[in-house]
Full PDB file with SEQRES, HELIX, SHEET, SSBOND, CRYST1, ORIGX, SCALE, CONECT and MASTER records, all heavy atoms in Angstrom:
SEQRES   1 A   35  LEU LEU TYR GLY GLY ARG LEU VAL VAL VAL PRO TYR LEU          
SEQRES   2 A   35  THR SER ARG SER PRO GLN GLU PHE LEU ALA LEU LEU GLU          
SEQRES   3 A   35  LYS GLU LYS VAL THR VAL LEU ASN GLN                          
HELIX    1 AA1 TYR A   12  SER A   15  1                                   4    
HELIX    2 AA2 PRO A   18  GLU A   28  1                                  11    
CRYST1    1.000    1.000    1.000  90.00  90.00  90.00 P 1           1          
ORIGX1      1.000000  0.000000  0.000000        0.00000                         
ORIGX2      0.000000  1.000000  0.000000        0.00000                         
ORIGX3      0.000000  0.000000  1.000000        0.00000                         
SCALE1      1.000000  0.000000  0.000000        0.00000                         
SCALE2      0.000000  1.000000  0.000000        0.00000                         
SCALE3      0.000000  0.000000  1.000000        0.00000                         
ATOM      1  N   LEU A   1      42.218 -99.476  19.448  1.00  0.00           N  
ATOM      2  CA  LEU A   1      41.018 -99.728  18.590  1.00  0.00           C  
ATOM      3  C   LEU A   1      40.632 -98.611  17.750  1.00  0.00           C  
ATOM      4  O   LEU A   1      39.856 -98.890  16.681  1.00  0.00           O  
ATOM      5  CB  LEU A   1      39.956-100.311  19.447  1.00  0.00           C  
ATOM      6  CG  LEU A   1      40.271-101.690  20.210  1.00  0.00           C  
ATOM      7  CD1 LEU A   1      39.129-102.063  21.001  1.00  0.00           C  
ATOM      8  CD2 LEU A   1      40.673-102.766  19.256  1.00  0.00           C  
ATOM      9  N   LEU A   2      40.950 -97.404  18.054  1.00  0.00           N  
ATOM     10  CA  LEU A   2      40.390 -96.256  17.249  1.00  0.00           C  
ATOM     11  C   LEU A   2      41.477 -95.889  16.096  1.00  0.00           C  
ATOM     12  O   LEU A   2      41.270 -95.104  15.288  1.00  0.00           O  
ATOM     13  CB  LEU A   2      40.042 -95.097  18.015  1.00  0.00           C  
ATOM     14  CG  LEU A   2      38.975 -95.215  19.077  1.00  0.00           C  
ATOM     15  CD1 LEU A   2      38.580 -93.895  19.611  1.00  0.00           C  
ATOM     16  CD2 LEU A   2      37.813 -95.972  18.530  1.00  0.00           C  
ATOM     17  N   TYR A   3      42.641 -96.666  16.209  1.00  0.00           N  
ATOM     18  CA  TYR A   3      43.737 -96.514  15.165  1.00  0.00           C  
ATOM     19  C   TYR A   3      43.897 -97.757  14.292  1.00  0.00           C  
ATOM     20  O   TYR A   3      44.904 -97.901  13.667  1.00  0.00           O  
ATOM     21  CB  TYR A   3      45.004 -95.991  15.765  1.00  0.00           C  
ATOM     22  CG  TYR A   3      44.875 -94.585  16.214  1.00  0.00           C  
ATOM     23  CD1 TYR A   3      44.532 -94.236  17.581  1.00  0.00           C  
ATOM     24  CD2 TYR A   3      45.095 -93.542  15.390  1.00  0.00           C  
ATOM     25  CE1 TYR A   3      44.433 -92.925  17.980  1.00  0.00           C  
ATOM     26  CE2 TYR A   3      45.044 -92.224  15.742  1.00  0.00           C  
ATOM     27  CZ  TYR A   3      44.703 -91.907  17.101  1.00  0.00           C  
ATOM     28  OH  TYR A   3      44.588 -90.602  17.464  1.00  0.00           O  
ATOM     29  N   GLY A   4      43.092 -98.764  14.527  1.00  0.00           N  
ATOM     30  CA  GLY A   4      43.175 -99.932  13.725  1.00  0.00           C  
ATOM     31  C   GLY A   4      44.162-100.920  14.241  1.00  0.00           C  
ATOM     32  O   GLY A   4      44.544-101.871  13.565  1.00  0.00           O  
ATOM     33  N   GLY A   5      44.732-100.707  15.425  1.00  0.00           N  
ATOM     34  CA  GLY A   5      45.664-101.685  16.000  1.00  0.00           C  
ATOM     35  C   GLY A   5      45.066-102.844  16.700  1.00  0.00           C  
ATOM     36  O   GLY A   5      43.897-103.093  16.603  1.00  0.00           O  
ATOM     37  N   ARG A   6      45.924-103.636  17.344  1.00  0.00           N  
ATOM     38  CA  ARG A   6      45.520-104.821  17.972  1.00  0.00           C  
ATOM     39  C   ARG A   6      45.641-104.745  19.525  1.00  0.00           C  
ATOM     40  O   ARG A   6      46.684-104.252  19.954  1.00  0.00           O  
ATOM     41  CB  ARG A   6      46.267-106.109  17.527  1.00  0.00           C  
ATOM     42  CG  ARG A   6      45.854-107.394  18.083  1.00  0.00           C  
ATOM     43  CD  ARG A   6      46.366-108.589  17.321  1.00  0.00           C  
ATOM     44  NE  ARG A   6      47.839-108.726  17.401  1.00  0.00           N  
ATOM     45  CZ  ARG A   6      48.486-109.473  18.254  1.00  0.00           C  
ATOM     46  NH1 ARG A   6      47.891-110.290  19.169  1.00  0.00           N  
ATOM     47  NH2 ARG A   6      49.810-109.563  18.183  1.00  0.00           N  
ATOM     48  N   LEU A   7      44.637-105.159  20.231  1.00  0.00           N  
ATOM     49  CA  LEU A   7      44.640-105.056  21.724  1.00  0.00           C  
ATOM     50  C   LEU A   7      44.788-106.481  22.268  1.00  0.00           C  
ATOM     51  O   LEU A   7      43.917-107.238  22.099  1.00  0.00           O  
ATOM     52  CB  LEU A   7      43.395-104.406  22.205  1.00  0.00           C  
ATOM     53  CG  LEU A   7      43.202-104.170  23.651  1.00  0.00           C  
ATOM     54  CD1 LEU A   7      44.326-103.167  24.228  1.00  0.00           C  
ATOM     55  CD2 LEU A   7      41.844-103.679  24.098  1.00  0.00           C  
ATOM     56  N   VAL A   8      45.817-106.620  23.056  1.00  0.00           N  
ATOM     57  CA  VAL A   8      46.135-107.971  23.671  1.00  0.00           C  
ATOM     58  C   VAL A   8      45.559-107.867  25.277  1.00  0.00           C  
ATOM     59  O   VAL A   8      46.107-107.032  26.000  1.00  0.00           O  
ATOM     60  CB  VAL A   8      47.559-108.340  23.663  1.00  0.00           C  
ATOM     61  CG1 VAL A   8      47.756-109.737  24.387  1.00  0.00           C  
ATOM     62  CG2 VAL A   8      48.059-108.434  22.288  1.00  0.00           C  
ATOM     63  N   VAL A   9      44.487-108.474  25.520  1.00  0.00           N  
ATOM     64  CA  VAL A   9      43.948-108.473  26.890  1.00  0.00           C  
ATOM     65  C   VAL A   9      44.816-109.324  27.765  1.00  0.00           C  
ATOM     66  O   VAL A   9      44.975-110.546  27.533  1.00  0.00           O  
ATOM     67  CB  VAL A   9      42.519-108.894  26.984  1.00  0.00           C  
ATOM     68  CG1 VAL A   9      42.025-108.796  28.373  1.00  0.00           C  
ATOM     69  CG2 VAL A   9      41.704-108.029  26.039  1.00  0.00           C  
ATOM     70  N   VAL A  10      45.407-108.806  28.776  1.00  0.00           N  
ATOM     71  CA  VAL A  10      46.379-109.526  29.620  1.00  0.00           C  
ATOM     72  C   VAL A  10      45.617-110.299  30.715  1.00  0.00           C  
ATOM     73  O   VAL A  10      44.957-109.642  31.490  1.00  0.00           O  
ATOM     74  CB  VAL A  10      47.441-108.553  30.195  1.00  0.00           C  
ATOM     75  CG1 VAL A  10      48.514-109.423  31.042  1.00  0.00           C  
ATOM     76  CG2 VAL A  10      48.111-107.769  29.178  1.00  0.00           C  
ATOM     77  N   PRO A  11      45.761-111.588  30.735  1.00  0.00           N  
ATOM     78  CA  PRO A  11      45.019-112.307  31.860  1.00  0.00           C  
ATOM     79  C   PRO A  11      45.524-111.804  33.217  1.00  0.00           C  
ATOM     80  O   PRO A  11      46.665-111.394  33.361  1.00  0.00           O  
ATOM     81  CB  PRO A  11      45.392-113.771  31.618  1.00  0.00           C  
ATOM     82  CG  PRO A  11      45.868-113.898  30.207  1.00  0.00           C  
ATOM     83  CD  PRO A  11      46.402-112.491  29.845  1.00  0.00           C  
ATOM     84  N   TYR A  12      44.552-111.761  34.182  1.00  0.00           N  
ATOM     85  CA  TYR A  12      44.928-111.199  35.482  1.00  0.00           C  
ATOM     86  C   TYR A  12      46.141-111.754  36.081  1.00  0.00           C  
ATOM     87  O   TYR A  12      46.998-111.076  36.507  1.00  0.00           O  
ATOM     88  CB  TYR A  12      43.655-111.373  36.418  1.00  0.00           C  
ATOM     89  CG  TYR A  12      44.012-110.893  37.889  1.00  0.00           C  
ATOM     90  CD1 TYR A  12      43.967-109.494  38.157  1.00  0.00           C  
ATOM     91  CD2 TYR A  12      44.395-111.719  38.884  1.00  0.00           C  
ATOM     92  CE1 TYR A  12      44.179-109.037  39.387  1.00  0.00           C  
ATOM     93  CE2 TYR A  12      44.682-111.344  40.143  1.00  0.00           C  
ATOM     94  CZ  TYR A  12      44.611-109.935  40.377  1.00  0.00           C  
ATOM     95  OH  TYR A  12      44.893-109.461  41.542  1.00  0.00           O  
ATOM     96  N   LEU A  13      46.298-113.112  36.154  1.00  0.00           N  
ATOM     97  CA  LEU A  13      47.497-113.796  36.671  1.00  0.00           C  
ATOM     98  C   LEU A  13      48.747-113.350  36.051  1.00  0.00           C  
ATOM     99  O   LEU A  13      49.887-113.132  36.613  1.00  0.00           O  
ATOM    100  CB  LEU A  13      47.230-115.247  36.813  1.00  0.00           C  
ATOM    101  CG  LEU A  13      46.111-115.714  37.795  1.00  0.00           C  
ATOM    102  CD1 LEU A  13      46.011-117.290  37.808  1.00  0.00           C  
ATOM    103  CD2 LEU A  13      46.437-115.248  39.173  1.00  0.00           C  
ATOM    104  N   THR A  14      48.642-113.277  34.743  1.00  0.00           N  
ATOM    105  CA  THR A  14      49.876-112.829  33.963  1.00  0.00           C  
ATOM    106  C   THR A  14      50.266-111.386  34.273  1.00  0.00           C  
ATOM    107  O   THR A  14      51.431-111.094  34.393  1.00  0.00           O  
ATOM    108  CB  THR A  14      49.580-112.909  32.429  1.00  0.00           C  
ATOM    109  OG1 THR A  14      49.150-114.232  32.092  1.00  0.00           O  
ATOM    110  CG2 THR A  14      50.786-112.530  31.628  1.00  0.00           C  
ATOM    111  N   SER A  15      49.196-110.574  34.605  1.00  0.00           N  
ATOM    112  CA  SER A  15      49.578-109.136  34.947  1.00  0.00           C  
ATOM    113  C   SER A  15      50.281-109.071  36.261  1.00  0.00           C  
ATOM    114  O   SER A  15      50.858-108.037  36.484  1.00  0.00           O  
ATOM    115  CB  SER A  15      48.249-108.309  34.942  1.00  0.00           C  
ATOM    116  OG  SER A  15      47.473-108.626  36.143  1.00  0.00           O  
ATOM    117  N   ARG A  16      50.215-110.084  37.030  1.00  0.00           N  
ATOM    118  CA  ARG A  16      50.763-110.125  38.288  1.00  0.00           C  
ATOM    119  C   ARG A  16      52.052-110.966  38.356  1.00  0.00           C  
ATOM    120  O   ARG A  16      52.684-111.020  39.382  1.00  0.00           O  
ATOM    121  CB  ARG A  16      49.723-110.756  39.407  1.00  0.00           C  
ATOM    122  CG  ARG A  16      48.578-109.901  39.649  1.00  0.00           C  
ATOM    123  CD  ARG A  16      48.969-108.569  40.422  1.00  0.00           C  
ATOM    124  NE  ARG A  16      47.893-107.593  40.578  1.00  0.00           N  
ATOM    125  CZ  ARG A  16      47.546-106.640  39.816  1.00  0.00           C  
ATOM    126  NH1 ARG A  16      48.211-106.515  38.591  1.00  0.00           N  
ATOM    127  NH2 ARG A  16      46.585-105.885  40.074  1.00  0.00           N  
ATOM    128  N   SER A  17      52.540-111.466  37.169  1.00  0.00           N  
ATOM    129  CA  SER A  17      53.807-112.159  37.100  1.00  0.00           C  
ATOM    130  C   SER A  17      54.675-111.470  36.144  1.00  0.00           C  
ATOM    131  O   SER A  17      54.480-111.617  34.914  1.00  0.00           O  
ATOM    132  CB  SER A  17      53.505-113.549  36.641  1.00  0.00           C  
ATOM    133  OG  SER A  17      54.723-114.296  36.326  1.00  0.00           O  
ATOM    134  N   PRO A  18      55.654-110.601  36.544  1.00  0.00           N  
ATOM    135  CA  PRO A  18      56.439-109.957  35.603  1.00  0.00           C  
ATOM    136  C   PRO A  18      57.156-110.878  34.537  1.00  0.00           C  
ATOM    137  O   PRO A  18      57.344-110.449  33.353  1.00  0.00           O  
ATOM    138  CB  PRO A  18      57.558-109.237  36.506  1.00  0.00           C  
ATOM    139  CG  PRO A  18      56.810-109.107  37.850  1.00  0.00           C  
ATOM    140  CD  PRO A  18      56.031-110.221  37.925  1.00  0.00           C  
ATOM    141  N   GLN A  19      57.598-112.006  34.997  1.00  0.00           N  
ATOM    142  CA  GLN A  19      58.209-112.928  34.049  1.00  0.00           C  
ATOM    143  C   GLN A  19      57.300-113.449  32.921  1.00  0.00           C  
ATOM    144  O   GLN A  19      57.607-113.344  31.755  1.00  0.00           O  
ATOM    145  CB  GLN A  19      58.780-114.168  34.718  1.00  0.00           C  
ATOM    146  CG  GLN A  19      59.976-113.847  35.744  1.00  0.00           C  
ATOM    147  CD  GLN A  19      59.588-113.338  37.007  1.00  0.00           C  
ATOM    148  OE1 GLN A  19      58.335-113.328  37.416  1.00  0.00           O  
ATOM    149  NE2 GLN A  19      60.530-112.845  37.753  1.00  0.00           N  
ATOM    150  N   GLU A  20      56.072-113.724  33.259  1.00  0.00           N  
ATOM    151  CA  GLU A  20      55.059-114.157  32.361  1.00  0.00           C  
ATOM    152  C   GLU A  20      54.687-113.049  31.402  1.00  0.00           C  
ATOM    153  O   GLU A  20      54.366-113.212  30.301  1.00  0.00           O  
ATOM    154  CB  GLU A  20      53.786-114.763  32.987  1.00  0.00           C  
ATOM    155  CG  GLU A  20      53.991-116.115  33.687  1.00  0.00           C  
ATOM    156  CD  GLU A  20      52.675-116.616  34.363  1.00  0.00           C  
ATOM    157  OE1 GLU A  20      51.695-116.248  33.845  1.00  0.00           O  
ATOM    158  OE2 GLU A  20      52.876-117.450  35.303  1.00  0.00           O  
ATOM    159  N   PHE A  21      54.560-111.842  32.053  1.00  0.00           N  
ATOM    160  CA  PHE A  21      54.095-110.687  31.209  1.00  0.00           C  
ATOM    161  C   PHE A  21      55.198-110.280  30.237  1.00  0.00           C  
ATOM    162  O   PHE A  21      54.910-110.002  29.017  1.00  0.00           O  
ATOM    163  CB  PHE A  21      53.873-109.508  32.231  1.00  0.00           C  
ATOM    164  CG  PHE A  21      53.370-108.274  31.462  1.00  0.00           C  
ATOM    165  CD1 PHE A  21      52.350-108.379  30.517  1.00  0.00           C  
ATOM    166  CD2 PHE A  21      53.895-107.061  31.645  1.00  0.00           C  
ATOM    167  CE1 PHE A  21      51.820-107.318  29.867  1.00  0.00           C  
ATOM    168  CE2 PHE A  21      53.455-105.976  30.912  1.00  0.00           C  
ATOM    169  CZ  PHE A  21      52.393-106.088  30.096  1.00  0.00           C  
ATOM    170  N   LEU A  22      56.441-110.476  30.631  1.00  0.00           N  
ATOM    171  CA  LEU A  22      57.603-110.221  29.668  1.00  0.00           C  
ATOM    172  C   LEU A  22      57.538-111.221  28.462  1.00  0.00           C  
ATOM    173  O   LEU A  22      57.700-110.841  27.325  1.00  0.00           O  
ATOM    174  CB  LEU A  22      58.939-110.335  30.423  1.00  0.00           C  
ATOM    175  CG  LEU A  22      60.231-109.926  29.572  1.00  0.00           C  
ATOM    176  CD1 LEU A  22      60.256-108.564  29.215  1.00  0.00           C  
ATOM    177  CD2 LEU A  22      61.426-110.361  30.397  1.00  0.00           C  
ATOM    178  N   ALA A  23      57.217-112.522  28.841  1.00  0.00           N  
ATOM    179  CA  ALA A  23      57.102-113.435  27.779  1.00  0.00           C  
ATOM    180  C   ALA A  23      55.889-113.062  26.863  1.00  0.00           C  
ATOM    181  O   ALA A  23      56.000-113.290  25.655  1.00  0.00           O  
ATOM    182  CB  ALA A  23      56.879-114.868  28.363  1.00  0.00           C  
ATOM    183  N   LEU A  24      54.879-112.593  27.370  1.00  0.00           N  
ATOM    184  CA  LEU A  24      53.715-112.271  26.549  1.00  0.00           C  
ATOM    185  C   LEU A  24      54.057-111.050  25.613  1.00  0.00           C  
ATOM    186  O   LEU A  24      53.626-111.066  24.478  1.00  0.00           O  
ATOM    187  CB  LEU A  24      52.500-111.888  27.410  1.00  0.00           C  
ATOM    188  CG  LEU A  24      51.270-111.420  26.725  1.00  0.00           C  
ATOM    189  CD1 LEU A  24      50.024-111.914  27.431  1.00  0.00           C  
ATOM    190  CD2 LEU A  24      51.177-109.867  26.623  1.00  0.00           C  
ATOM    191  N   LEU A  25      54.807-110.098  26.192  1.00  0.00           N  
ATOM    192  CA  LEU A  25      55.182-108.902  25.378  1.00  0.00           C  
ATOM    193  C   LEU A  25      55.981-109.419  24.158  1.00  0.00           C  
ATOM    194  O   LEU A  25      55.862-108.882  23.021  1.00  0.00           O  
ATOM    195  CB  LEU A  25      55.966-107.948  26.207  1.00  0.00           C  
ATOM    196  CG  LEU A  25      55.306-107.185  27.324  1.00  0.00           C  
ATOM    197  CD1 LEU A  25      56.268-106.328  28.140  1.00  0.00           C  
ATOM    198  CD2 LEU A  25      54.183-106.441  26.801  1.00  0.00           C  
ATOM    199  N   GLU A  26      56.911-110.391  24.389  1.00  0.00           N  
ATOM    200  CA  GLU A  26      57.741-110.950  23.268  1.00  0.00           C  
ATOM    201  C   GLU A  26      56.893-111.764  22.236  1.00  0.00           C  
ATOM    202  O   GLU A  26      57.065-111.482  21.069  1.00  0.00           O  
ATOM    203  CB  GLU A  26      58.777-111.739  23.833  1.00  0.00           C  
ATOM    204  CG  GLU A  26      59.766-112.446  22.835  1.00  0.00           C  
ATOM    205  CD  GLU A  26      60.868-113.253  23.399  1.00  0.00           C  
ATOM    206  OE1 GLU A  26      60.586-114.055  24.430  1.00  0.00           O  
ATOM    207  OE2 GLU A  26      62.005-113.264  22.897  1.00  0.00           O  
ATOM    208  N   LYS A  27      55.997-112.594  22.809  1.00  0.00           N  
ATOM    209  CA  LYS A  27      55.312-113.469  21.952  1.00  0.00           C  
ATOM    210  C   LYS A  27      54.277-112.724  21.052  1.00  0.00           C  
ATOM    211  O   LYS A  27      54.137-113.060  19.873  1.00  0.00           O  
ATOM    212  CB  LYS A  27      54.494-114.502  22.822  1.00  0.00           C  
ATOM    213  CG  LYS A  27      53.595-115.452  22.057  1.00  0.00           C  
ATOM    214  CD  LYS A  27      52.854-116.372  23.000  1.00  0.00           C  
ATOM    215  CE  LYS A  27      51.806-117.196  22.232  1.00  0.00           C  
ATOM    216  NZ  LYS A  27      50.505-117.246  22.896  1.00  0.00           N  
ATOM    217  N   GLU A  28      53.643-111.757  21.628  1.00  0.00           N  
ATOM    218  CA  GLU A  28      52.547-110.993  20.948  1.00  0.00           C  
ATOM    219  C   GLU A  28      53.109-109.844  20.125  1.00  0.00           C  
ATOM    220  O   GLU A  28      52.441-109.031  19.413  1.00  0.00           O  
ATOM    221  CB  GLU A  28      51.433-110.450  21.913  1.00  0.00           C  
ATOM    222  CG  GLU A  28      50.813-111.568  22.635  1.00  0.00           C  
ATOM    223  CD  GLU A  28      49.798-112.387  21.728  1.00  0.00           C  
ATOM    224  OE1 GLU A  28      49.685-111.993  20.526  1.00  0.00           O  
ATOM    225  OE2 GLU A  28      49.258-113.377  22.156  1.00  0.00           O  
ATOM    226  N   LYS A  29      54.477-109.555  20.322  1.00  0.00           N  
ATOM    227  CA  LYS A  29      55.120-108.437  19.524  1.00  0.00           C  
ATOM    228  C   LYS A  29      54.472-107.046  19.813  1.00  0.00           C  
ATOM    229  O   LYS A  29      54.153-106.293  19.012  1.00  0.00           O  
ATOM    230  CB  LYS A  29      55.149-108.704  18.004  1.00  0.00           C  
ATOM    231  CG  LYS A  29      56.009-110.022  17.639  1.00  0.00           C  
ATOM    232  CD  LYS A  29      56.148-110.181  16.154  1.00  0.00           C  
ATOM    233  CE  LYS A  29      57.148-111.226  15.790  1.00  0.00           C  
ATOM    234  NZ  LYS A  29      57.032-112.502  16.460  1.00  0.00           N  
ATOM    235  N   VAL A  30      54.295-106.884  21.134  1.00  0.00           N  
ATOM    236  CA  VAL A  30      53.599-105.628  21.636  1.00  0.00           C  
ATOM    237  C   VAL A  30      54.527-104.439  21.251  1.00  0.00           C  
ATOM    238  O   VAL A  30      55.745-104.530  21.455  1.00  0.00           O  
ATOM    239  CB  VAL A  30      53.309-105.697  23.094  1.00  0.00           C  
ATOM    240  CG1 VAL A  30      52.870-104.339  23.719  1.00  0.00           C  
ATOM    241  CG2 VAL A  30      52.311-106.866  23.449  1.00  0.00           C  
ATOM    242  N   THR A  31      53.853-103.431  20.754  1.00  0.00           N  
ATOM    243  CA  THR A  31      54.695-102.247  20.271  1.00  0.00           C  
ATOM    244  C   THR A  31      54.488-101.051  21.279  1.00  0.00           C  
ATOM    245  O   THR A  31      55.261-100.091  21.335  1.00  0.00           O  
ATOM    246  CB  THR A  31      54.317-101.779  18.862  1.00  0.00           C  
ATOM    247  OG1 THR A  31      52.914-101.409  18.868  1.00  0.00           O  
ATOM    248  CG2 THR A  31      54.582-102.879  17.926  1.00  0.00           C  
ATOM    249  N   VAL A  32      53.243-100.985  21.924  1.00  0.00           N  
ATOM    250  CA  VAL A  32      52.938 -99.849  22.870  1.00  0.00           C  
ATOM    251  C   VAL A  32      52.499-100.425  24.222  1.00  0.00           C  
ATOM    252  O   VAL A  32      51.583-101.166  24.388  1.00  0.00           O  
ATOM    253  CB  VAL A  32      51.768 -98.978  22.343  1.00  0.00           C  
ATOM    254  CG1 VAL A  32      51.467 -97.795  23.279  1.00  0.00           C  
ATOM    255  CG2 VAL A  32      52.066 -98.505  20.973  1.00  0.00           C  
ATOM    256  N   LEU A  33      53.345-100.174  25.222  1.00  0.00           N  
ATOM    257  CA  LEU A  33      53.094-100.633  26.614  1.00  0.00           C  
ATOM    258  C   LEU A  33      52.882 -99.456  27.563  1.00  0.00           C  
ATOM    259  O   LEU A  33      53.570 -98.502  27.502  1.00  0.00           O  
ATOM    260  CB  LEU A  33      54.335-101.415  27.024  1.00  0.00           C  
ATOM    261  CG  LEU A  33      54.342-101.901  28.521  1.00  0.00           C  
ATOM    262  CD1 LEU A  33      53.199-102.891  28.705  1.00  0.00           C  
ATOM    263  CD2 LEU A  33      55.686-102.581  28.823  1.00  0.00           C  
ATOM    264  N   ASN A  34      51.854 -99.570  28.356  1.00  0.00           N  
ATOM    265  CA  ASN A  34      51.509 -98.574  29.361  1.00  0.00           C  
ATOM    266  C   ASN A  34      51.709 -99.170  30.754  1.00  0.00           C  
ATOM    267  O   ASN A  34      51.189-100.249  30.994  1.00  0.00           O  
ATOM    268  CB  ASN A  34      50.100 -98.091  29.157  1.00  0.00           C  
ATOM    269  CG  ASN A  34      49.883 -97.562  27.737  1.00  0.00           C  
ATOM    270  OD1 ASN A  34      50.256 -96.398  27.499  1.00  0.00           O  
ATOM    271  ND2 ASN A  34      49.440 -98.343  26.849  1.00  0.00           N  
ATOM    272  N   GLN A  35      52.370 -98.448  31.638  1.00  0.00           N  
ATOM    273  CA  GLN A  35      52.715 -98.944  32.899  1.00  0.00           C  
ATOM    274  C   GLN A  35      52.748 -97.939  34.013  1.00  0.00           C  
ATOM    275  O   GLN A  35      53.118 -96.778  33.771  1.00  0.00           O  
ATOM    276  CB  GLN A  35      54.143 -99.613  32.929  1.00  0.00           C  
ATOM    277  CG  GLN A  35      54.319-100.811  31.954  1.00  0.00           C  
ATOM    278  CD  GLN A  35      53.890-102.102  32.742  1.00  0.00           C  
ATOM    279  OE1 GLN A  35      54.854-102.763  33.430  1.00  0.00           O  
ATOM    280  NE2 GLN A  35      52.649-102.512  32.596  1.00  0.00           N  
TER     281      GLN A  35                                                      
MASTER        0    0    0    2    0    0    0    6  280    1    0    3          
END                                                                             
């Protein structure tokens, strides 16, 4: 948010499902992932 980017808030249940989270990364075209 301090560089003008977009922040996708990951729903709690999605954060606990690697398959759903992978699908979210693809759908939202995420460029920076922290893990």
